[in-house]
């Protein structure tokens, strides 16, 4: 995972849980808290930090991954050289994500290993998509979808279904409620 993910994660922990919890998490994992934005780190390092944070806060790792996805949406979107002004809803944004944004992110972060999104069904009020990633970060994707819906001020029901035992394939069903 790219260093920007770790940098944003540390910011999220500081903002949502405070500096004391953040420092305790770093100490517990013996992590040096130094990340380079464009450097690639093992996703196991993030999971180690998540496990420590879970122990300290008594919040499940999956719930923390969702929180991270929600909170990191805006910093990720604003860090990319893209125009989302013409997009005004979550479903259109996700379609744009797979058709354009991932390609632009790859230019900025050539070593990044982007997840694959397969759009299964699209309508103005519903989206079914399959998420593929060997890092099994479906809960982060769930949070990103929630963060996207918040960004567009939409009420969207999101269902997540594991499609394999490893978690490397997840299906998401989104339904606009308004």
C-alpha atoms as a PDB file:
ATOM      1  CA  UNK A   1       0.000   0.000   0.000  1.00  0.00           C
ATOM      2  CA  UNK A   2       1.176   3.473  -0.786  1.00  0.00           C
ATOM      3  CA  UNK A   3       2.602   5.686   1.949  1.00  0.00           C
ATOM      4  CA  UNK A   4      -0.227   8.168   1.481  1.00  0.00           C
ATOM      5  CA  UNK A   5      -2.596   5.527   2.918  1.00  0.00           C
ATOM      6  CA  UNK A   6      -0.475   5.261   6.071  1.00  0.00           C
ATOM      7  CA  UNK A   7      -0.080   9.025   6.380  1.00  0.00           C
ATOM      8  CA  UNK A   8      -3.847   9.514   6.153  1.00  0.00           C
ATOM      9  CA  UNK A   9      -4.444   6.638   8.585  1.00  0.00           C
ATOM     10  CA  UNK A  10      -2.184   8.236  11.219  1.00  0.00           C
ATOM     11  CA  UNK A  11      -4.031  11.559  10.709  1.00  0.00           C
ATOM     12  CA  UNK A  12      -7.380   9.783  11.133  1.00  0.00           C
ATOM     13  CA  UNK A  13      -6.236   8.103  14.353  1.00  0.00           C
ATOM     14  CA  UNK A  14      -4.966  11.420  15.754  1.00  0.00           C
ATOM     15  CA  UNK A  15      -8.159  13.250  14.807  1.00  0.00           C
ATOM     16  CA  UNK A  16     -10.656  10.599  15.944  1.00  0.00           C
ATOM     17  CA  UNK A  17      -8.905   9.019  18.929  1.00  0.00           C
ATOM     18  CA  UNK A  18      -6.292  11.547  20.013  1.00  0.00           C
ATOM     19  CA  UNK A  19      -2.531  11.736  20.127  1.00  0.00           C
ATOM     20  CA  UNK A  20      -2.214   9.497  23.215  1.00  0.00           C
ATOM     21  CA  UNK A  21      -3.997   6.590  21.499  1.00  0.00           C
ATOM     22  CA  UNK A  22      -2.013   7.172  18.312  1.00  0.00           C
ATOM     23  CA  UNK A  23       1.285   7.107  20.195  1.00  0.00           C
ATOM     24  CA  UNK A  24       0.218   4.001  22.149  1.00  0.00           C
ATOM     25  CA  UNK A  25      -0.663   2.276  18.866  1.00  0.00           C
ATOM     26  CA  UNK A  26       2.734   3.196  17.377  1.00  0.00           C
ATOM     27  CA  UNK A  27       4.541   2.021  20.510  1.00  0.00           C
ATOM     28  CA  UNK A  28       2.569  -1.240  20.658  1.00  0.00           C
ATOM     29  CA  UNK A  29       3.512  -2.083  17.069  1.00  0.00           C
ATOM     30  CA  UNK A  30       7.060  -0.710  17.294  1.00  0.00           C
ATOM     31  CA  UNK A  31       6.283   1.227  14.121  1.00  0.00           C
ATOM     32  CA  UNK A  32       8.448   4.252  13.382  1.00  0.00           C
ATOM     33  CA  UNK A  33       5.505   6.385  12.151  1.00  0.00           C
ATOM     34  CA  UNK A  34       7.595   7.627   9.231  1.00  0.00           C
ATOM     35  CA  UNK A  35       6.041   7.150   5.820  1.00  0.00           C
ATOM     36  CA  UNK A  36       6.917   8.448   2.400  1.00  0.00           C
ATOM     37  CA  UNK A  37       3.869   9.356   0.314  1.00  0.00           C
ATOM     38  CA  UNK A  38       4.960   7.560  -2.878  1.00  0.00           C
ATOM     39  CA  UNK A  39       6.679   4.588  -1.240  1.00  0.00           C
ATOM     40  CA  UNK A  40       5.027   1.171  -1.242  1.00  0.00           C
ATOM     41  CA  UNK A  41       4.556  -0.571   2.148  1.00  0.00           C
ATOM     42  CA  UNK A  42       3.161  -3.984   2.982  1.00  0.00           C
ATOM     43  CA  UNK A  43      -0.547  -3.955   3.791  1.00  0.00           C
ATOM     44  CA  UNK A  44       0.355  -6.238   6.721  1.00  0.00           C
ATOM     45  CA  UNK A  45       1.922  -3.197   8.366  1.00  0.00           C
ATOM     46  CA  UNK A  46      -1.426  -1.383   8.212  1.00  0.00           C
ATOM     47  CA  UNK A  47      -3.230  -4.426   9.604  1.00  0.00           C
ATOM     48  CA  UNK A  48      -0.722  -4.595  12.472  1.00  0.00           C
ATOM     49  CA  UNK A  49      -1.497  -0.956  13.286  1.00  0.00           C
ATOM     50  CA  UNK A  50      -5.238  -1.665  12.983  1.00  0.00           C
ATOM     51  CA  UNK A  51      -5.011  -4.631  15.356  1.00  0.00           C
ATOM     52  CA  UNK A  52      -3.185  -2.503  17.927  1.00  0.00           C
ATOM     53  CA  UNK A  53      -5.746   0.292  17.562  1.00  0.00           C
ATOM     54  CA  UNK A  54      -8.543  -2.244  17.965  1.00  0.00           C
ATOM     55  CA  UNK A  55      -7.023  -3.522  21.206  1.00  0.00           C
ATOM     56  CA  UNK A  56      -6.649   0.025  22.526  1.00  0.00           C
ATOM     57  CA  UNK A  57     -10.129   1.254  21.539  1.00  0.00           C
ATOM     58  CA  UNK A  58     -12.107  -2.019  21.803  1.00  0.00           C
ATOM     59  CA  UNK A  59     -13.488  -1.319  18.304  1.00  0.00           C
ATOM     60  CA  UNK A  60     -13.375  -4.222  15.846  1.00  0.00           C
ATOM     61  CA  UNK A  61     -10.752  -4.149  13.115  1.00  0.00           C
ATOM     62  CA  UNK A  62     -13.486  -4.313  10.463  1.00  0.00           C
ATOM     63  CA  UNK A  63     -15.241  -1.271  11.960  1.00  0.00           C
ATOM     64  CA  UNK A  64     -11.912   0.587  12.064  1.00  0.00           C
ATOM     65  CA  UNK A  65     -11.251  -0.296   8.417  1.00  0.00           C
ATOM     66  CA  UNK A  66     -14.694   1.074   7.510  1.00  0.00           C
ATOM     67  CA  UNK A  67     -14.003   4.256   9.502  1.00  0.00           C
ATOM     68  CA  UNK A  68     -10.674   4.644   7.737  1.00  0.00           C
ATOM     69  CA  UNK A  69     -12.341   4.281   4.327  1.00  0.00           C
ATOM     70  CA  UNK A  70     -14.971   6.876   5.217  1.00  0.00           C
ATOM     71  CA  UNK A  71     -12.484   9.405   6.527  1.00  0.00           C
ATOM     72  CA  UNK A  72      -9.898   8.936   3.776  1.00  0.00           C
ATOM     73  CA  UNK A  73     -12.317   9.494   0.887  1.00  0.00           C
ATOM     74  CA  UNK A  74     -12.017  13.279   0.783  1.00  0.00           C
ATOM     75  CA  UNK A  75      -8.197  13.438   1.129  1.00  0.00           C
ATOM     76  CA  UNK A  76      -7.843  10.824  -1.630  1.00  0.00           C
ATOM     77  CA  UNK A  77     -10.203  12.596  -4.006  1.00  0.00           C
ATOM     78  CA  UNK A  78      -8.609  15.986  -3.431  1.00  0.00           C
ATOM     79  CA  UNK A  79      -5.106  14.565  -3.931  1.00  0.00           C
ATOM     80  CA  UNK A  80      -5.828  13.392  -7.474  1.00  0.00           C
ATOM     81  CA  UNK A  81      -5.679  15.667 -10.529  1.00  0.00           C
ATOM     82  CA  UNK A  82      -9.264  14.953 -11.524  1.00  0.00           C
ATOM     83  CA  UNK A  83     -12.367  16.980 -12.124  1.00  0.00           C
ATOM     84  CA  UNK A  84     -15.353  15.696 -10.230  1.00  0.00           C
ATOM     85  CA  UNK A  85     -17.318  18.919 -10.552  1.00  0.00           C
ATOM     86  CA  UNK A  86     -19.462  17.385 -13.280  1.00  0.00           C
ATOM     87  CA  UNK A  87     -20.218  14.320 -11.153  1.00  0.00           C
ATOM     88  CA  UNK A  88     -23.031  14.813  -8.675  1.00  0.00           C
ATOM     89  CA  UNK A  89     -23.750  11.385  -7.233  1.00  0.00           C
ATOM     90  CA  UNK A  90     -22.130   8.280  -5.786  1.00  0.00           C
ATOM     91  CA  UNK A  91     -23.041   5.847  -8.553  1.00  0.00           C
ATOM     92  CA  UNK A  92     -21.641   8.072 -11.296  1.00  0.00           C
ATOM     93  CA  UNK A  93     -18.522   8.629  -9.210  1.00  0.00           C
ATOM     94  CA  UNK A  94     -17.890   4.880  -8.830  1.00  0.00           C
ATOM     95  CA  UNK A  95     -18.320   4.371 -12.577  1.00  0.00           C
ATOM     96  CA  UNK A  96     -15.884   7.269 -13.145  1.00  0.00           C
ATOM     97  CA  UNK A  97     -13.527   5.747 -10.583  1.00  0.00           C
ATOM     98  CA  UNK A  98     -13.079   2.536 -12.491  1.00  0.00           C
ATOM     99  CA  UNK A  99     -13.064   4.076 -15.955  1.00  0.00           C
ATOM    100  CA  UNK A 100     -10.818   7.079 -15.259  1.00  0.00           C
ATOM    101  CA  UNK A 101      -9.649   7.774 -11.685  1.00  0.00           C
ATOM    102  CA  UNK A 102      -7.740   4.523 -11.173  1.00  0.00           C
ATOM    103  CA  UNK A 103      -5.786   5.267 -14.361  1.00  0.00           C
ATOM    104  CA  UNK A 104      -4.930   8.777 -13.141  1.00  0.00           C
ATOM    105  CA  UNK A 105      -3.938   7.464  -9.700  1.00  0.00           C
ATOM    106  CA  UNK A 106      -1.674   4.925 -11.403  1.00  0.00           C
ATOM    107  CA  UNK A 107       0.131   7.810 -13.141  1.00  0.00           C
ATOM    108  CA  UNK A 108       0.713   9.558  -9.803  1.00  0.00           C
ATOM    109  CA  UNK A 109       1.583   6.363  -7.932  1.00  0.00           C
ATOM    110  CA  UNK A 110       3.025   3.963 -10.535  1.00  0.00           C
ATOM    111  CA  UNK A 111       3.940   1.348  -7.911  1.00  0.00           C
ATOM    112  CA  UNK A 112       0.448   1.291  -6.432  1.00  0.00           C
ATOM    113  CA  UNK A 113      -1.494  -1.934  -6.775  1.00  0.00           C
ATOM    114  CA  UNK A 114      -5.031  -0.747  -7.386  1.00  0.00           C
ATOM    115  CA  UNK A 115      -7.972  -2.980  -6.603  1.00  0.00           C
ATOM    116  CA  UNK A 116     -10.095  -4.030  -9.567  1.00  0.00           C
ATOM    117  CA  UNK A 117     -13.741  -3.061  -9.719  1.00  0.00           C
ATOM    118  CA  UNK A 118     -16.128  -4.843 -12.047  1.00  0.00           C
ATOM    119  CA  UNK A 119     -19.430  -3.087 -12.586  1.00  0.00           C
ATOM    120  CA  UNK A 120     -22.094  -5.797 -12.674  1.00  0.00           C
ATOM    121  CA  UNK A 121     -25.271  -3.684 -12.855  1.00  0.00           C
ATOM    122  CA  UNK A 122     -25.802   0.064 -13.116  1.00  0.00           C
ATOM    123  CA  UNK A 123     -28.957   2.166 -13.026  1.00  0.00           C
ATOM    124  CA  UNK A 124     -29.674   5.657 -11.739  1.00  0.00           C
ATOM    125  CA  UNK A 125     -30.671   4.276  -8.312  1.00  0.00           C
ATOM    126  CA  UNK A 126     -28.762   1.025  -8.004  1.00  0.00           C
ATOM    127  CA  UNK A 127     -25.260  -0.299  -8.513  1.00  0.00           C
ATOM    128  CA  UNK A 128     -23.868  -3.793  -8.115  1.00  0.00           C
ATOM    129  CA  UNK A 129     -20.107  -4.071  -8.272  1.00  0.00           C
ATOM    130  CA  UNK A 130     -17.480  -6.672  -7.549  1.00  0.00           C
ATOM    131  CA  UNK A 131     -14.296  -5.624  -5.775  1.00  0.00           C
ATOM    132  CA  UNK A 132     -11.140  -7.688  -6.240  1.00  0.00           C
ATOM    133  CA  UNK A 133      -7.961  -7.209  -4.222  1.00  0.00           C
ATOM    134  CA  UNK A 134      -5.388  -9.672  -2.899  1.00  0.00           C
ATOM    135  CA  UNK A 135      -5.043  -7.348   0.124  1.00  0.00           C
ATOM    136  CA  UNK A 136      -8.641  -8.170   1.146  1.00  0.00           C
ATOM    137  CA  UNK A 137      -9.571  -4.597   2.070  1.00  0.00           C
ATOM    138  CA  UNK A 138     -13.282  -4.861   1.341  1.00  0.00           C
ATOM    139  CA  UNK A 139     -14.147  -3.066   4.580  1.00  0.00           C
ATOM    140  CA  UNK A 140     -12.029  -0.084   3.515  1.00  0.00           C
ATOM    141  CA  UNK A 141     -13.894  -0.106   0.190  1.00  0.00           C
ATOM    142  CA  UNK A 142     -17.187  -0.191   2.118  1.00  0.00           C
ATOM    143  CA  UNK A 143     -16.039   2.871   4.082  1.00  0.00           C
ATOM    144  CA  UNK A 144     -14.918   4.645   0.907  1.00  0.00           C
ATOM    145  CA  UNK A 145     -18.389   4.101  -0.568  1.00  0.00           C
ATOM    146  CA  UNK A 146     -19.946   5.521   2.623  1.00  0.00           C
ATOM    147  CA  UNK A 147     -17.529   8.480   2.493  1.00  0.00           C
ATOM    148  CA  UNK A 148     -18.443   9.058  -1.149  1.00  0.00           C
ATOM    149  CA  UNK A 149     -22.160   9.063  -0.310  1.00  0.00           C
ATOM    150  CA  UNK A 150     -21.502  11.581   2.484  1.00  0.00           C
ATOM    151  CA  UNK A 151     -19.535  13.758   0.066  1.00  0.00           C
ATOM    152  CA  UNK A 152     -22.480  13.842  -2.354  1.00  0.00           C
ATOM    153  CA  UNK A 153     -24.957  14.183   0.546  1.00  0.00           C
ATOM    154  CA  UNK A 154     -26.832  11.045  -0.475  1.00  0.00           C
ATOM    155  CA  UNK A 155     -28.669   8.483   1.591  1.00  0.00           C
ATOM    156  CA  UNK A 156     -27.448   5.172   0.185  1.00  0.00           C
ATOM    157  CA  UNK A 157     -27.928   1.679   1.537  1.00  0.00           C
ATOM    158  CA  UNK A 158     -24.738  -0.341   1.033  1.00  0.00           C
ATOM    159  CA  UNK A 159     -24.640  -4.108   1.387  1.00  0.00           C
ATOM    160  CA  UNK A 160     -21.369  -6.019   1.391  1.00  0.00           C
ATOM    161  CA  UNK A 161     -21.175  -9.721   0.556  1.00  0.00           C
ATOM    162  CA  UNK A 162     -17.989 -11.794   0.707  1.00  0.00           C
ATOM    163  CA  UNK A 163     -17.777 -13.844  -2.468  1.00  0.00           C
ATOM    164  CA  UNK A 164     -14.890 -16.052  -1.338  1.00  0.00           C
ATOM    165  CA  UNK A 165     -13.403 -17.225   1.948  1.00  0.00           C
ATOM    166  CA  UNK A 166     -10.273 -15.072   1.676  1.00  0.00           C
ATOM    167  CA  UNK A 167     -12.120 -11.739   1.286  1.00  0.00           C
ATOM    168  CA  UNK A 168     -10.274 -10.964  -1.945  1.00  0.00           C
ATOM    169  CA  UNK A 169     -13.589 -10.827  -3.839  1.00  0.00           C
ATOM    170  CA  UNK A 170     -16.427  -8.780  -2.381  1.00  0.00           C
ATOM    171  CA  UNK A 171     -19.736  -7.779  -3.946  1.00  0.00           C
ATOM    172  CA  UNK A 172     -21.308  -4.451  -3.074  1.00  0.00           C
ATOM    173  CA  UNK A 173     -24.935  -3.547  -3.698  1.00  0.00           C
ATOM    174  CA  UNK A 174     -25.809   0.136  -3.477  1.00  0.00           C
ATOM    175  CA  UNK A 175     -29.364   1.469  -3.446  1.00  0.00           C
ATOM    176  CA  UNK A 176     -30.271   5.155  -3.308  1.00  0.00           C
ATOM    177  CA  UNK A 177     -32.877   5.688  -0.607  1.00  0.00           C
ATOM    178  CA  UNK A 178     -33.965   9.197  -1.616  1.00  0.00           C
END
